[in-house]
Structures are given as C-alpha cells and as structure tokens.
C-alpha cells in the first residue's frame, strides 16, 4: 500500500472516530434541542439552559473545526479543493440532513448553529483584511479600465439574461409565484438576476491561498470581485428600496432617501475602513507579543462597529487591509502573516457553518428549478466574462479560464437572498422564493470551488501546473 493511500485511510479512520465520539457524547450529555430540559434539584431552568448552550456550542465548535479539517485533507488527497470538504462536512453535520434521512439527532443542532453564526463576522473581517492586503495600487492603476470593461459586460449579461429566464420560465414554474402582477414579477426577476451576479470573495481568497496560485487570473479576479461587491451594495440598496413601488403598497421612500442611504453605506464604509486601517497599523506597531490576540479582537471590533454604524463589514475590512498594505507595505507584513496563520481554523469553521445552513428540504423539493437557475447563471458567467476579458485585452493565457473564478457563491449571495425576503415581508410567495434562491446558492457553493481550481490549473497559475509546463 503506497503512502498516499495509507494517509487517506488514516484520515478516514480518524474522521469516523471523531463522529462516533460525538454521538457518544450526545448520548451522555443531553443538549437543549427542543427548548425543554429536565432541571436538577437546586438549579434554575435558566442556569441549566445556559450551561447546556455553552457546552453544546463548545462541543460543536471543536467538532466542526477538527471534522472539517479532516474531511478537507481527505478530499484534497483525491485532488479536490479543501473548501469543498469543509462545506460537505457542514452539510453532513448540519441540523437538516441526518434527522431527515436517518431520523437521528444532528451533530449540530439549530441552536448551536445559531451560536456558531455569531463567529461569522470575525471570519469575514479576517478574510477581507487579507483580500485588501492583496490589492496593490500599482496593479489597480494599470488595470482599472480593464476591470471596468470585464465587469460591465459580465454584470449586464448575468443580470438581464437571468432576469429574462426567471420571468419566462422560473417564476411561472412555482405555484405561489404564478399570479404576480407584472411590476412585481419584473422586480423579482431583476432581484434574482442581481443575486446571480454575486460571487464569493471568501471562496476566491480561500482557493487562491489553498492552491498557492499566482498570476494575472488571480490578481484580476480578486480585484474584480472586490469591485463587484462595491457595485452590488449600491444596486441592492436601490432594488430593495423599490419593493413598495413594485408591489403597490404606497410606502415608497423618496429617491433622495434611497440615494442618501446608498451613499452612506458605500462612502461611509470606505471612510471608516481608512480610519480602521490607520488605527490597526499604529496599534499593531506597539504590540510586541501575542499579536494574534489583537487581530482576533480587531476582527470582532470591525464587525460590531460596522453593524452599529450601518456600514458593510466586508468593505470596511477590505479597505483597512488595502490601506495598510499600500501605505506601509513593509511594516504591515508582520500583521498579515499573523492573520494568514489564523485562517486555517477560520476557514474550517466558516465554511462548515455555511454548509450546515444549506436548506436540504429546499434543495430536495426545488432542485429542478434551482438547477435551471444554476445552469443559466453558469452559462452567462462564462459568456459575459469571456467576452469582457477579450474586449478588455486581458492576459491571453488566463482569458479563457477567468470565468471560473466568478462561479462560487456563499455568504454574500445568502445575505442578499435573506435581505430580499426580509424586504418583501410576509407575502405568501416569500418562503418559496427564499428556498429557491438558497437552493441555487447551495449548488453554486459546491460547484464553484471545483470549477475555480480547475480554471487556475488550466491557466497555469498553480505550482503543479507551472511544474508541469516546465
């Protein structure tokens, strides 16, 4: 038996042992799943619930971190992206799959998943800080026009192409969406198209780090993804503001209020990011030891302060990383190296939690319609990005494979789907629409990293492909 095969069996054995130990632990220590628990004598119900919530969260966090890492290493041994392993482990451990298929208690309950979700802001902040640090002014100065050309064609192709398919085929296929008035149907079709424009900066960064890829495709796709997030912030704000107009509720905000909100969200996030970047740099310079603790606290501070001020945490952290890497390129290296050392456990928990949130029931019920939406999006991502890359005269070797970097979806798309559902209120069709969108995002979560890794290899930007060319 060769060494690779032996390593795969060891990883699979340790993973199976971990899962078995968790089920044993669940049997020995009941967890608060339904909200009803037996209260021992001399203890209050609140104290018991708090203890079990903390114990369950601690167990779930450790289980997700170790289990996702093990499955990521296992799938990596077969040539698949580690991110896919993290996501799949989350699906297997989440609250939907095992109870629905085998009728057993899920390793991660809904309550624990809610607590784990509170770590998302930290993960997003750290991932975005690294992303901002990878974007250099020298690169943007020469590429801004080309990136604008690429994104212009890509966004227009996806937005209008998906909107047409949604209006003609997807909305009429769902019973609760059949009788919508024309303005409402057009608005929802545009909303679905806009959601399909979104891709995942977190997965793009994770795939670049995992594959250790370098080259024009990496640089362009990362910068374009960041710029696209800026555009989406504005477009989504305007779209959600016109929900009352499309559904004739008579509660429309004035155009001036919509513009003011969009400007505050965008310009305020950028300005706050500059302040945070400067503050983090001067604070980090005065910390000689345990800078990792400062980074974790800084990540939480970015997230909580941004939410309190109604800014975009992802954008704030991106700008903060960009400021430090471009104003103090040498002195900021220490902090960025420390963040990169923290990213492995962050990736494991963040993507496993994202996988655990995938609505299995929605995917099972709506998969044919969701598959149509996913297939339409992939076709338009390919067509729009390839045409844009050709018109922008991007590097000829990366040009045919650039589209693969825009296929993954995750947190941004999920957030947009939930925000759309919240803006639409309690209308009868909202659960079906939200389920469809989440099912489509779930498919793109799994397919996207596979396509992006393949594209990076074909473009010759990974160490293995470079060695192969040599």
Protein backbone atom coordinates (compact mmCIF):
# COMPACT_ATOMS: atom_id res chain seq x y z
CA UNK A 1 0.00 0.00 0.00
CA UNK A 2 1.51 3.35 -1.07
CA UNK A 3 1.92 6.31 1.28
CA UNK A 4 -0.93 8.33 -0.25
CA UNK A 5 -3.43 5.50 0.17
CA UNK A 6 -2.27 4.92 3.75
CA UNK A 7 -2.78 8.61 4.57
CA UNK A 8 -6.30 8.58 3.11
CA UNK A 9 -7.26 5.59 5.27
CA UNK A 10 -5.81 7.24 8.39
CA UNK A 11 -7.77 10.43 7.77
CA UNK A 12 -10.98 8.49 7.13
CA UNK A 13 -10.45 6.43 10.29
CA UNK A 14 -9.82 9.47 12.49
CA UNK A 15 -12.88 11.21 10.99
CA UNK A 16 -15.08 8.19 11.70
CA UNK A 17 -13.73 8.04 15.27
CA UNK A 18 -14.47 11.72 15.78
CA UNK A 19 -18.07 11.33 14.60
CA UNK A 20 -18.54 8.27 16.81
CA UNK A 21 -17.21 10.08 19.86
CA UNK A 22 -19.58 12.99 19.25
CA UNK A 23 -22.61 10.70 19.12
CA UNK A 24 -21.46 9.04 22.37
CA UNK A 25 -21.03 12.48 23.97
CA UNK A 26 -24.50 13.48 22.81
CA UNK A 27 -25.94 10.41 24.44
CA UNK A 28 -24.18 11.03 27.73
CA UNK A 29 -24.94 14.76 27.93
CA UNK A 30 -28.39 15.77 26.61
CA UNK A 31 -28.34 19.01 24.71
CA UNK A 32 -31.03 21.64 24.55
CA UNK A 33 -32.67 20.89 21.19
CA UNK A 34 -36.37 21.46 21.69
CA UNK A 35 -36.10 24.07 24.44
CA UNK A 36 -37.36 21.64 27.12
CA UNK A 37 -34.89 20.20 29.60
CA UNK A 38 -35.08 18.45 32.93
CA UNK A 39 -33.92 20.77 35.72
CA UNK A 40 -31.87 19.16 38.52
CA UNK A 41 -32.79 19.93 42.11
CA UNK A 42 -31.34 23.20 43.37
CA UNK A 43 -30.77 24.65 39.90
CA UNK A 44 -32.75 27.20 37.96
CA UNK A 45 -34.06 26.45 34.46
CA UNK A 46 -32.16 29.43 33.05
CA UNK A 47 -28.86 28.28 34.53
CA UNK A 48 -29.32 24.76 33.11
CA UNK A 49 -30.18 26.11 29.68
CA UNK A 50 -27.19 28.46 29.72
CA UNK A 51 -24.82 25.66 30.75
CA UNK A 52 -26.10 23.32 28.06
CA UNK A 53 -25.98 26.04 25.41
CA UNK A 54 -22.36 26.84 26.29
CA UNK A 55 -21.38 23.15 26.45
CA UNK A 56 -23.16 22.41 23.18
CA UNK A 57 -21.57 25.38 21.43
CA UNK A 58 -18.08 24.43 22.66
CA UNK A 59 -18.56 20.83 21.52
CA UNK A 60 -19.99 21.93 18.17
CA UNK A 61 -17.15 24.40 17.55
CA UNK A 62 -14.45 21.82 18.23
CA UNK A 63 -16.28 19.16 16.23
CA UNK A 64 -16.71 21.43 13.19
CA UNK A 65 -13.14 22.70 13.31
CA UNK A 66 -11.50 19.27 13.54
CA UNK A 67 -14.01 17.39 11.38
CA UNK A 68 -13.98 19.97 8.57
CA UNK A 69 -10.18 19.99 8.58
CA UNK A 70 -10.03 16.19 8.39
CA UNK A 71 -12.54 15.97 5.53
CA UNK A 72 -10.79 18.85 3.76
CA UNK A 73 -7.49 16.98 3.93
CA UNK A 74 -9.21 13.77 2.80
CA UNK A 75 -10.81 15.29 -0.31
CA UNK A 76 -7.56 17.15 -1.03
CA UNK A 77 -5.83 13.76 -1.26
CA UNK A 78 -8.18 13.00 -4.16
CA UNK A 79 -7.37 16.30 -5.90
CA UNK A 80 -10.50 18.21 -4.77
CA UNK A 81 -10.44 21.68 -3.14
CA UNK A 82 -10.32 21.62 0.67
CA UNK A 83 -13.12 24.19 0.75
CA UNK A 84 -15.45 21.57 -0.74
CA UNK A 85 -14.56 19.24 2.12
CA UNK A 86 -15.33 21.95 4.67
CA UNK A 87 -18.71 22.66 3.04
CA UNK A 88 -19.67 19.00 2.70
CA UNK A 89 -18.77 18.30 6.32
CA UNK A 90 -21.06 21.13 7.35
CA UNK A 91 -23.90 19.65 5.27
CA UNK A 92 -23.40 16.22 6.88
CA UNK A 93 -23.21 17.66 10.40
CA UNK A 94 -25.98 20.23 9.99
CA UNK A 95 -29.46 20.11 11.52
CA UNK A 96 -31.30 19.09 8.32
CA UNK A 97 -29.63 16.07 6.72
CA UNK A 98 -29.27 13.32 9.35
CA UNK A 99 -32.62 13.92 11.12
CA UNK A 100 -34.42 13.90 7.77
CA UNK A 101 -32.62 10.88 6.28
CA UNK A 102 -31.78 8.64 9.25
CA UNK A 103 -34.08 10.08 11.91
CA UNK A 104 -31.19 10.66 14.35
CA UNK A 105 -30.21 13.79 16.25
CA UNK A 106 -27.94 16.02 14.21
CA UNK A 107 -24.36 16.54 15.45
CA UNK A 108 -25.01 20.29 15.17
CA UNK A 109 -28.44 21.48 16.31
CA UNK A 110 -30.28 24.62 15.19
CA UNK A 111 -29.45 26.36 18.47
CA UNK A 112 -25.75 25.58 18.20
CA UNK A 113 -25.72 26.64 14.56
CA UNK A 114 -27.17 29.99 15.59
CA UNK A 115 -24.38 30.47 18.15
CA UNK A 116 -21.74 29.41 15.60
CA UNK A 117 -23.12 32.00 13.22
CA UNK A 118 -22.01 34.71 15.64
CA UNK A 119 -18.43 33.89 14.66
CA UNK A 120 -19.13 34.77 11.02
CA UNK A 121 -18.31 38.48 11.47
CA UNK A 122 -14.83 37.58 12.74
CA UNK A 123 -14.22 35.25 9.80
CA UNK A 124 -15.47 37.78 7.26
CA UNK A 125 -13.32 40.54 8.76
CA UNK A 126 -10.12 38.47 8.74
CA UNK A 127 -10.73 37.12 5.23
CA UNK A 128 -11.45 40.62 3.93
CA UNK A 129 -8.35 42.09 5.63
CA UNK A 130 -6.19 39.59 3.74
CA UNK A 131 -8.06 40.31 0.49
CA UNK A 132 -7.50 44.03 0.87
CA UNK A 133 -3.82 43.41 1.54
CA UNK A 134 -3.51 41.56 -1.77
CA UNK A 135 -4.73 44.52 -3.84
CA UNK A 136 -1.95 46.90 -4.82
CA UNK A 137 -2.37 50.43 -6.13
CA UNK A 138 0.23 49.76 -8.83
CA UNK A 139 -1.92 46.90 -10.15
CA UNK A 140 -5.19 48.84 -10.00
CA UNK A 141 -3.66 51.89 -11.71
CA UNK A 142 -2.95 49.86 -14.82
CA UNK A 143 -6.00 47.58 -14.66
CA UNK A 144 -8.94 49.74 -13.57
CA UNK A 145 -10.24 50.35 -17.10
CA UNK A 146 -9.87 46.68 -18.00
CA UNK A 147 -11.63 45.54 -14.82
CA UNK A 148 -14.47 48.00 -15.52
CA UNK A 149 -14.83 46.57 -19.04
CA UNK A 150 -14.78 43.00 -17.75
CA UNK A 151 -17.36 43.65 -15.03
CA UNK A 152 -19.57 45.79 -17.26
CA UNK A 153 -20.15 43.01 -19.76
CA UNK A 154 -20.29 40.31 -17.10
CA UNK A 155 -22.83 42.06 -14.85
CA UNK A 156 -25.04 43.12 -17.78
CA UNK A 157 -25.04 39.59 -19.26
CA UNK A 158 -25.88 37.86 -15.98
CA UNK A 159 -28.39 40.43 -14.71
CA UNK A 160 -30.51 40.70 -17.86
CA UNK A 161 -30.05 37.10 -19.04
CA UNK A 162 -31.10 35.58 -15.72
CA UNK A 163 -33.94 38.11 -15.33
CA UNK A 164 -35.41 37.08 -18.70
CA UNK A 165 -35.16 33.35 -17.90
CA UNK A 166 -36.64 33.96 -14.44
CA UNK A 167 -39.58 35.96 -15.85
CA UNK A 168 -40.37 33.49 -18.65
CA UNK A 169 -39.65 30.12 -17.04
CA UNK A 170 -38.72 30.15 -13.32
CA UNK A 171 -41.46 32.28 -11.75
CA UNK A 172 -44.28 30.55 -13.69
CA UNK A 173 -42.95 27.17 -12.50
CA UNK A 174 -43.63 27.94 -8.82
CA UNK A 175 -47.30 27.89 -7.86
CA UNK A 176 -47.18 30.70 -5.31
CA UNK A 177 -45.44 32.99 -7.83
CA UNK A 178 -47.75 32.38 -10.81
CA UNK A 179 -50.28 35.15 -10.21
CA UNK A 180 -47.92 38.03 -9.53
CA UNK A 181 -48.73 41.41 -11.10
CA UNK A 182 -46.41 42.35 -13.95
CA UNK A 183 -44.45 45.02 -11.97
CA UNK A 184 -43.91 42.56 -9.10
CA UNK A 185 -42.81 39.77 -11.46
CA UNK A 186 -40.37 42.10 -13.23
CA UNK A 187 -38.97 43.30 -9.89
CA UNK A 188 -38.44 39.74 -8.62
CA UNK A 189 -36.87 38.69 -11.92
CA UNK A 190 -34.37 41.55 -11.65
CA UNK A 191 -33.74 40.63 -7.99
CA UNK A 192 -32.97 37.02 -8.97
CA UNK A 193 -30.66 38.27 -11.73
CA UNK A 194 -28.88 40.55 -9.28
CA UNK A 195 -28.41 37.73 -6.79
CA UNK A 196 -26.84 35.63 -9.57
CA UNK A 197 -24.33 38.44 -10.22
CA UNK A 198 -22.90 37.94 -6.71
CA UNK A 199 -19.94 35.66 -6.14
CA UNK A 200 -17.89 34.84 -3.06
CA UNK A 201 -14.78 36.85 -2.13
CA UNK A 202 -14.21 34.41 0.75
CA UNK A 203 -14.06 31.37 -1.54
CA UNK A 204 -11.94 33.21 -4.12
CA UNK A 205 -9.38 34.11 -1.44
CA UNK A 206 -9.52 30.62 0.09
CA UNK A 207 -8.92 28.95 -3.29
CA UNK A 208 -6.02 31.26 -4.14
CA UNK A 209 -4.43 30.58 -0.74
CA UNK A 210 -5.04 26.84 -0.90
CA UNK A 211 -3.66 26.35 -4.40
CA UNK A 212 -0.85 28.89 -3.83
CA UNK A 213 -1.73 30.28 -7.25
CA UNK A 214 -0.11 33.42 -8.62
CA UNK A 215 -0.65 35.24 -11.89
CA UNK A 216 -2.90 37.57 -13.85
CA UNK A 217 -6.01 35.45 -13.36
CA UNK A 218 -5.61 35.54 -9.55
CA UNK A 219 -4.89 39.26 -9.39
CA UNK A 220 -7.65 40.27 -11.81
CA UNK A 221 -10.34 38.00 -10.35
CA UNK A 222 -9.64 39.13 -6.79
CA UNK A 223 -9.68 42.84 -7.67
CA UNK A 224 -12.78 42.39 -9.84
CA UNK A 225 -14.60 40.52 -7.07
CA UNK A 226 -13.91 43.35 -4.63
CA UNK A 227 -15.07 45.99 -7.13
CA UNK A 228 -18.19 43.97 -7.86
CA UNK A 229 -19.09 43.99 -4.16
CA UNK A 230 -19.00 47.79 -4.22
CA UNK A 231 -21.36 47.85 -7.19
CA UNK A 232 -23.70 45.29 -5.61
CA UNK A 233 -24.00 47.34 -2.41
CA UNK A 234 -25.43 50.23 -4.44
CA UNK A 235 -27.65 48.14 -6.74
CA UNK A 236 -29.14 46.05 -3.92
CA UNK A 237 -29.89 49.14 -1.82
CA UNK A 238 -31.77 50.71 -4.73
CA UNK A 239 -33.59 47.48 -5.65
CA UNK A 240 -34.83 46.78 -2.13
CA UNK A 241 -35.95 50.38 -1.79
CA UNK A 242 -38.32 49.93 -4.74
CA UNK A 243 -40.12 46.88 -3.29
CA UNK A 244 -43.11 49.03 -2.19
CA UNK A 245 -43.34 50.52 -5.70
CA UNK A 246 -43.27 47.14 -7.44
CA UNK A 247 -45.95 45.70 -5.14
CA UNK A 248 -48.02 48.91 -4.89
CA UNK A 249 -48.03 49.25 -1.10
CA UNK A 250 -47.90 53.03 -1.19
CA UNK A 251 -44.95 53.11 1.23
CA UNK A 252 -42.18 54.06 -1.17
CA UNK A 253 -39.32 56.09 0.12
CA UNK A 254 -38.29 59.12 -1.86
CA UNK A 255 -35.50 58.82 -4.39
CA UNK A 256 -33.47 61.25 -2.29
CA UNK A 257 -33.71 58.92 0.73
CA UNK A 258 -32.60 55.94 -1.38
CA UNK A 259 -29.62 57.84 -2.76
CA UNK A 260 -28.69 59.07 0.72
CA UNK A 261 -28.76 55.52 2.13
CA UNK A 262 -26.65 54.14 -0.72
CA UNK A 263 -24.07 56.92 -0.37
CA UNK A 264 -23.87 56.48 3.42
CA UNK A 265 -23.45 52.72 3.05
CA UNK A 266 -20.77 53.00 0.37
CA UNK A 267 -18.81 56.16 1.18
CA UNK A 268 -19.20 55.68 4.93
CA UNK A 269 -17.84 52.12 4.72
CA UNK A 270 -14.82 53.26 2.72
CA UNK A 271 -14.12 56.19 5.06
CA UNK A 272 -14.48 54.04 8.16
CA UNK A 273 -12.20 51.42 6.57
CA UNK A 274 -9.47 54.04 6.13
CA UNK A 275 -9.78 55.03 9.81
CA UNK A 276 -9.67 51.38 10.91
CA UNK A 277 -6.65 50.63 8.72
CA UNK A 278 -4.63 53.52 10.15
CA UNK A 279 -5.65 52.67 13.73
CA UNK A 280 -4.80 48.97 13.33
CA UNK A 281 -1.38 49.79 11.90
CA UNK A 282 -0.33 52.09 14.75
CA UNK A 283 -1.77 49.75 17.37
CA UNK A 284 -0.02 46.70 15.87
CA UNK A 285 3.32 48.54 15.82
CA UNK A 286 3.14 48.90 19.60
CA UNK A 287 2.30 45.24 20.26
CA UNK A 288 5.41 43.10 20.52
CA UNK A 289 3.84 39.83 21.65
CA UNK A 290 0.56 37.95 21.06
CA UNK A 291 -0.41 39.99 18.03
CA UNK A 292 -2.82 37.17 17.13
CA UNK A 293 -4.99 38.13 20.12
CA UNK A 294 -5.04 41.73 18.90
CA UNK A 295 -6.07 40.55 15.41
CA UNK A 296 -8.98 38.49 16.73
CA UNK A 297 -10.20 41.39 18.87
CA UNK A 298 -9.74 43.74 15.93
CA UNK A 299 -11.80 41.46 13.69
CA UNK A 300 -14.69 41.45 16.12
CA UNK A 301 -14.38 45.22 16.60
CA UNK A 302 -14.62 45.81 12.83
CA UNK A 303 -17.73 43.65 12.57
CA UNK A 304 -19.61 45.05 15.56
CA UNK A 305 -18.74 48.70 14.90
CA UNK A 306 -19.70 48.36 11.21
CA UNK A 307 -23.07 46.85 12.05
CA UNK A 308 -23.75 49.53 14.67
CA UNK A 309 -22.98 52.29 12.15
CA UNK A 310 -24.84 50.51 9.29
CA UNK A 311 -21.69 50.03 7.26
CA UNK A 312 -20.65 46.96 5.28
CA UNK A 313 -18.15 44.94 7.42
CA UNK A 314 -16.67 43.21 4.37
CA UNK A 315 -15.99 46.53 2.66
CA UNK A 316 -14.62 48.16 5.84
CA UNK A 317 -12.13 45.32 6.38
CA UNK A 318 -11.15 45.28 2.69
CA UNK A 319 -10.33 48.98 2.78
CA UNK A 320 -8.48 48.59 6.09
CA UNK A 321 -6.27 45.86 4.63
CA UNK A 322 -5.76 47.84 1.42
CA UNK A 323 -4.66 50.96 3.35
CA UNK A 324 -2.11 49.08 5.43
CA UNK A 325 -0.63 47.10 2.54
CA UNK A 326 -0.22 50.14 0.28
CA UNK A 327 0.83 52.88 2.75
CA UNK A 328 3.07 50.71 4.94
CA UNK A 329 3.88 47.67 2.72
CA UNK A 330 6.93 46.52 4.69
CA UNK A 331 5.75 47.27 8.22
CA UNK A 332 2.35 45.61 7.70
CA UNK A 333 3.79 42.26 6.63
CA UNK A 334 4.04 41.04 10.24
CA UNK A 335 0.33 41.53 10.82
CA UNK A 336 -0.71 39.93 7.51
CA UNK A 337 1.47 36.90 8.20
CA UNK A 338 -0.20 36.54 11.60
CA UNK A 339 -3.66 36.72 10.01
CA UNK A 340 -2.72 34.06 7.46
CA UNK A 341 -1.67 31.73 10.28
CA UNK A 342 -5.16 32.13 11.77
CA UNK A 343 -7.01 31.49 8.52
CA UNK A 344 -6.99 27.67 8.52
CA UNK A 345 -9.26 27.22 11.58
CA UNK A 346 -11.27 30.26 10.44
CA UNK A 347 -11.88 28.69 7.03
CA UNK A 348 -12.84 25.35 8.60
CA UNK A 349 -15.47 26.83 10.90
CA UNK A 350 -16.75 29.50 8.50
CA UNK A 351 -17.31 27.21 5.51
CA UNK A 352 -18.54 24.27 7.58
CA UNK A 353 -21.09 26.58 9.20
CA UNK A 354 -22.11 27.79 5.71
CA UNK A 355 -22.56 24.16 4.66
CA UNK A 356 -24.64 23.39 7.75
CA UNK A 357 -27.00 26.21 6.80
CA UNK A 358 -27.79 24.73 3.38
CA UNK A 359 -31.56 24.03 3.36
CA UNK A 360 -31.72 20.33 2.46
CA UNK A 361 -35.53 20.36 2.17
CA UNK A 362 -35.43 23.27 -0.27
CA UNK A 363 -32.76 21.60 -2.40
CA UNK A 364 -34.74 18.33 -2.45
CA UNK A 365 -38.04 19.98 -3.38
CA UNK A 366 -36.88 22.65 -5.81
CA UNK A 367 -33.78 21.10 -7.36
CA UNK A 368 -35.08 21.02 -10.98
CA UNK A 369 -35.91 24.76 -10.94
CA UNK A 370 -32.77 25.56 -8.95
CA UNK A 371 -30.72 23.55 -11.44
CA UNK A 372 -32.19 25.60 -14.30
CA UNK A 373 -31.19 28.79 -12.45
CA UNK A 374 -27.69 27.48 -11.71
CA UNK A 375 -27.17 26.29 -15.30
CA UNK A 376 -28.37 29.62 -16.71
CA UNK A 377 -26.06 31.52 -14.37
CA UNK A 378 -23.01 29.38 -15.24
CA UNK A 379 -23.64 29.82 -18.97
CA UNK A 380 -23.97 33.59 -18.62
CA UNK A 381 -20.95 33.86 -16.30
CA UNK A 382 -18.92 32.04 -18.93
CA UNK A 383 -20.24 34.10 -21.85
CA UNK A 384 -20.17 37.51 -20.17
CA UNK A 385 -16.76 37.05 -18.53
CA UNK A 386 -15.10 35.59 -21.62
CA UNK A 387 -16.44 38.39 -23.84
CA UNK A 388 -15.45 41.01 -21.26
CA UNK A 389 -11.96 39.55 -20.85
CA UNK A 390 -11.44 39.54 -24.61
CA UNK A 391 -12.68 43.13 -25.01
CA UNK A 392 -10.50 44.23 -22.07
CA UNK A 393 -7.48 42.50 -23.65
CA UNK A 394 -6.61 40.57 -20.53
CA UNK A 395 -3.74 38.09 -20.49
CA UNK A 396 -4.41 35.59 -23.35
CA UNK A 397 -3.50 32.57 -21.25
CA UNK A 398 -5.85 33.47 -18.38
CA UNK A 399 -8.64 34.82 -20.59
CA UNK A 400 -10.44 31.51 -21.40
CA UNK A 401 -10.49 30.43 -17.73
CA UNK A 402 -11.22 33.74 -15.99
CA UNK A 403 -14.94 32.91 -15.77
CA UNK A 404 -14.33 30.02 -13.35
CA UNK A 405 -13.25 32.48 -10.60
CA UNK A 406 -16.72 34.08 -10.69
CA UNK A 407 -18.73 30.86 -10.25
CA UNK A 408 -18.52 30.32 -6.44
CA UNK A 409 -21.23 31.77 -4.23
CA UNK A 410 -21.55 31.76 -0.43
CA UNK A 411 -22.10 34.37 2.26
CA UNK A 412 -22.75 37.45 0.08
CA UNK A 413 -25.40 35.67 -2.02
CA UNK A 414 -27.04 34.13 1.07
CA UNK A 415 -27.17 37.55 2.73
CA UNK A 416 -28.77 39.07 -0.39
CA UNK A 417 -31.40 36.32 -0.53
CA UNK A 418 -32.31 36.80 3.13
CA UNK A 419 -32.38 40.61 2.77
CA UNK A 420 -34.72 40.28 -0.20
CA UNK A 421 -37.04 38.02 1.81
CA UNK A 422 -36.99 40.49 4.71
CA UNK A 423 -37.82 43.42 2.41
CA UNK A 424 -40.72 41.51 0.84
CA UNK A 425 -42.28 40.92 4.27
CA UNK A 426 -44.90 38.24 4.94
CA UNK A 427 -46.21 37.79 1.40
CA UNK A 428 -47.32 34.25 0.59
CA UNK A 429 -44.62 33.58 -2.01
CA UNK A 430 -41.64 34.68 0.12
CA UNK A 431 -40.86 31.22 1.66
CA UNK A 432 -40.83 29.54 -1.78
CA UNK A 433 -38.73 32.31 -3.33
CA UNK A 434 -36.21 32.28 -0.48
CA UNK A 435 -35.99 28.47 -0.58
CA UNK A 436 -35.34 28.55 -4.36
CA UNK A 437 -32.58 31.15 -4.03
CA UNK A 438 -30.89 29.34 -1.14
CA UNK A 439 -31.06 26.02 -3.03
CA UNK A 440 -29.36 27.63 -6.04
CA UNK A 441 -26.67 29.22 -3.85
CA UNK A 442 -26.08 25.84 -2.18
CA UNK A 443 -25.38 24.24 -5.56
CA UNK A 444 -23.01 27.06 -6.52
CA UNK A 445 -21.24 26.68 -3.16
CA UNK A 446 -20.23 23.14 -4.09
CA UNK A 447 -19.72 23.51 -7.85
CA UNK A 448 -17.87 26.85 -7.76
CA UNK A 449 -14.65 25.84 -5.92
CA UNK A 450 -14.27 22.79 -8.18
CA UNK A 451 -14.53 24.95 -11.29
CA UNK A 452 -12.21 27.62 -9.93
CA UNK A 453 -9.46 25.14 -9.03
CA UNK A 454 -9.73 23.60 -12.48
CA UNK A 455 -9.55 27.06 -14.07
CA UNK A 456 -6.46 28.07 -12.08
CA UNK A 457 -4.74 24.87 -13.13
CA UNK A 458 -5.67 25.31 -16.78
CA UNK A 459 -4.46 28.92 -16.70
CA UNK A 460 -1.08 27.67 -15.46
CA UNK A 461 -1.13 29.66 -12.22
CA UNK A 462 -0.81 26.85 -9.63
CA UNK A 463 2.60 25.40 -8.65
CA UNK A 464 1.66 21.96 -10.04
CA UNK A 465 0.60 23.37 -13.42
CA UNK A 466 3.72 25.55 -13.62
CA UNK A 467 5.90 22.50 -12.82
CA UNK A 468 4.01 20.52 -15.44
CA UNK A 469 4.66 23.18 -18.06
CA UNK A 470 8.31 23.16 -17.14
